[in-house]
Amino acid sequence: MLQYASATGLMRTILIILLIWFGGKILLRLFAPVIMQFFVKKAEEKFGSQFNPNQQKRQQAPPEGEVVIDKIPKQETSNKNVGEYVDYEEID
């Protein structure tokens, strides 16, 4: 049995697609400023935290006479056991 699409079913499908398309465009125009404002605020917070990572520490001044070390010492990692060097020749 072979079923064919009816003209009314085709028109209904096209109408639904167009309704979703134009409805989405209208909703996007309404909510785009709110969405953009949210993303801009998040990007601003991230950008600001990159330049002032210790901003909270600087705002809280230590008591006078107390020694505070902000620098974290680097941990030296050496990987001397990486294997042996193998020279190779390129084959044309």
C-alpha atoms as a PDB file:
ATOM      1  CA  MET A   1       0.000   0.000   0.000  1.00  0.00           C
ATOM      2  CA  LEU A   2       1.395   3.292  -1.060  1.00  0.00           C
ATOM      3  CA  GLN A   3       0.224   6.416   0.726  1.00  0.00           C
ATOM      4  CA  TYR A   4       0.374   9.822  -0.874  1.00  0.00           C
ATOM      5  CA  ALA A   5       0.494  13.150   0.939  1.00  0.00           C
ATOM      6  CA  SER A   6      -2.703  15.096   0.673  1.00  0.00           C
ATOM      7  CA  ALA A   7      -2.745  18.753  -0.283  1.00  0.00           C
ATOM      8  CA  THR A   8      -4.303  19.746   3.045  1.00  0.00           C
ATOM      9  CA  GLY A   9      -1.656  17.825   4.995  1.00  0.00           C
ATOM     10  CA  LEU A  10       1.094  19.517   2.995  1.00  0.00           C
ATOM     11  CA  MET A  11      -0.403  22.973   3.524  1.00  0.00           C
ATOM     12  CA  ARG A  12      -0.827  22.271   7.239  1.00  0.00           C
ATOM     13  CA  THR A  13       2.822  21.214   7.542  1.00  0.00           C
ATOM     14  CA  ILE A  14       4.026  24.314   5.690  1.00  0.00           C
ATOM     15  CA  LEU A  15       1.807  26.510   7.865  1.00  0.00           C
ATOM     16  CA  ILE A  16       3.195  24.951  11.058  1.00  0.00           C
ATOM     17  CA  ILE A  17       6.780  25.448   9.870  1.00  0.00           C
ATOM     18  CA  LEU A  18       6.110  29.099   8.973  1.00  0.00           C
ATOM     19  CA  LEU A  19       4.363  29.699  12.288  1.00  0.00           C
ATOM     20  CA  ILE A  20       7.320  28.293  14.226  1.00  0.00           C
ATOM     21  CA  TRP A  21       9.780  30.286  12.093  1.00  0.00           C
ATOM     22  CA  PHE A  22       8.057  33.657  12.479  1.00  0.00           C
ATOM     23  CA  GLY A  23       7.113  32.996  16.104  1.00  0.00           C
ATOM     24  CA  GLY A  24      10.756  32.259  16.872  1.00  0.00           C
ATOM     25  CA  LYS A  25      11.856  35.465  15.167  1.00  0.00           C
ATOM     26  CA  ILE A  26       9.379  37.511  17.199  1.00  0.00           C
ATOM     27  CA  LEU A  27      10.375  35.850  20.478  1.00  0.00           C
ATOM     28  CA  LEU A  28      14.053  36.337  19.654  1.00  0.00           C
ATOM     29  CA  ARG A  29      13.495  40.059  19.064  1.00  0.00           C
ATOM     30  CA  LEU A  30      11.745  40.321  22.412  1.00  0.00           C
ATOM     31  CA  PHE A  31      14.273  38.367  24.470  1.00  0.00           C
ATOM     32  CA  ALA A  32      17.526  39.194  22.626  1.00  0.00           C
ATOM     33  CA  PRO A  33      18.291  42.316  24.718  1.00  0.00           C
ATOM     34  CA  VAL A  34      17.834  40.394  27.975  1.00  0.00           C
ATOM     35  CA  ILE A  35      19.985  37.504  26.753  1.00  0.00           C
ATOM     36  CA  MET A  36      22.708  39.852  25.465  1.00  0.00           C
ATOM     37  CA  GLN A  37      22.724  41.782  28.741  1.00  0.00           C
ATOM     38  CA  PHE A  38      23.227  38.523  30.651  1.00  0.00           C
ATOM     39  CA  PHE A  39      26.158  37.440  28.461  1.00  0.00           C
ATOM     40  CA  VAL A  40      27.777  40.889  28.572  1.00  0.00           C
ATOM     41  CA  LYS A  41      27.561  40.929  32.371  1.00  0.00           C
ATOM     42  CA  LYS A  42      29.150  37.465  32.585  1.00  0.00           C
ATOM     43  CA  ALA A  43      31.925  38.437  30.158  1.00  0.00           C
ATOM     44  CA  GLU A  44      32.572  41.632  32.130  1.00  0.00           C
ATOM     45  CA  GLU A  45      32.913  39.668  35.376  1.00  0.00           C
ATOM     46  CA  LYS A  46      35.271  37.186  33.745  1.00  0.00           C
ATOM     47  CA  PHE A  47      37.326  39.943  32.118  1.00  0.00           C
ATOM     48  CA  GLY A  48      37.594  41.859  35.379  1.00  0.00           C
ATOM     49  CA  SER A  49      38.660  38.784  37.342  1.00  0.00           C
ATOM     50  CA  GLN A  50      41.512  38.134  34.896  1.00  0.00           C
ATOM     51  CA  PHE A  51      43.139  41.473  35.656  1.00  0.00           C
ATOM     52  CA  ASN A  52      42.423  41.546  39.397  1.00  0.00           C
ATOM     53  CA  PRO A  53      42.622  37.957  40.665  1.00  0.00           C
ATOM     54  CA  ASN A  54      43.608  39.082  44.164  1.00  0.00           C
ATOM     55  CA  GLN A  55      41.078  41.899  44.359  1.00  0.00           C
ATOM     56  CA  GLN A  56      39.376  40.499  47.460  1.00  0.00           C
ATOM     57  CA  LYS A  57      42.719  40.027  49.227  1.00  0.00           C
ATOM     58  CA  ARG A  58      43.750  43.623  48.539  1.00  0.00           C
ATOM     59  CA  GLN A  59      40.522  45.049  49.907  1.00  0.00           C
ATOM     60  CA  GLN A  60      41.107  43.412  53.298  1.00  0.00           C
ATOM     61  CA  ALA A  61      44.174  45.154  54.696  1.00  0.00           C
ATOM     62  CA  PRO A  62      46.211  43.043  57.129  1.00  0.00           C
ATOM     63  CA  PRO A  63      46.794  44.401  60.604  1.00  0.00           C
ATOM     64  CA  GLU A  64      49.791  46.697  60.895  1.00  0.00           C
ATOM     65  CA  GLY A  65      53.034  44.892  61.646  1.00  0.00           C
ATOM     66  CA  GLU A  66      51.861  41.528  60.266  1.00  0.00           C
ATOM     67  CA  VAL A  67      53.909  40.008  57.455  1.00  0.00           C
ATOM     68  CA  VAL A  68      51.842  38.693  54.546  1.00  0.00           C
ATOM     69  CA  ILE A  69      53.332  36.743  51.629  1.00  0.00           C
ATOM     70  CA  ASP A  70      51.102  36.740  48.539  1.00  0.00           C
ATOM     71  CA  LYS A  71      53.478  34.840  46.277  1.00  0.00           C
ATOM     72  CA  ILE A  72      53.040  31.102  46.006  1.00  0.00           C
ATOM     73  CA  PRO A  73      56.420  29.413  45.497  1.00  0.00           C
ATOM     74  CA  LYS A  74      56.856  27.550  42.235  1.00  0.00           C
ATOM     75  CA  GLN A  75      57.098  23.817  42.499  1.00  0.00           C
ATOM     76  CA  GLU A  76      60.048  22.593  40.528  1.00  0.00           C
ATOM     77  CA  THR A  77      59.098  19.613  38.468  1.00  0.00           C
ATOM     78  CA  SER A  78      61.818  17.780  36.647  1.00  0.00           C
ATOM     79  CA  ASN A  79      61.270  14.864  34.413  1.00  0.00           C
ATOM     80  CA  LYS A  80      64.776  13.577  33.847  1.00  0.00           C
ATOM     81  CA  ASN A  81      63.590  10.122  32.850  1.00  0.00           C
ATOM     82  CA  VAL A  82      62.123  11.013  29.471  1.00  0.00           C
ATOM     83  CA  GLY A  83      63.848   8.282  27.504  1.00  0.00           C
ATOM     84  CA  GLU A  84      66.709   8.251  25.069  1.00  0.00           C
ATOM     85  CA  TYR A  85      67.109  10.387  21.975  1.00  0.00           C
ATOM     86  CA  VAL A  86      66.746   8.539  18.689  1.00  0.00           C
ATOM     87  CA  ASP A  87      68.145  10.139  15.556  1.00  0.00           C
ATOM     88  CA  TYR A  88      66.190   9.482  12.414  1.00  0.00           C
ATOM     89  CA  GLU A  89      66.589   9.991   8.692  1.00  0.00           C
ATOM     90  CA  GLU A  90      63.852  11.057   6.370  1.00  0.00           C
ATOM     91  CA  ILE A  91      63.137   8.594   3.548  1.00  0.00           C
ATOM     92  CA  ASP A  92      62.149  10.052   0.189  1.00  0.00           C
END
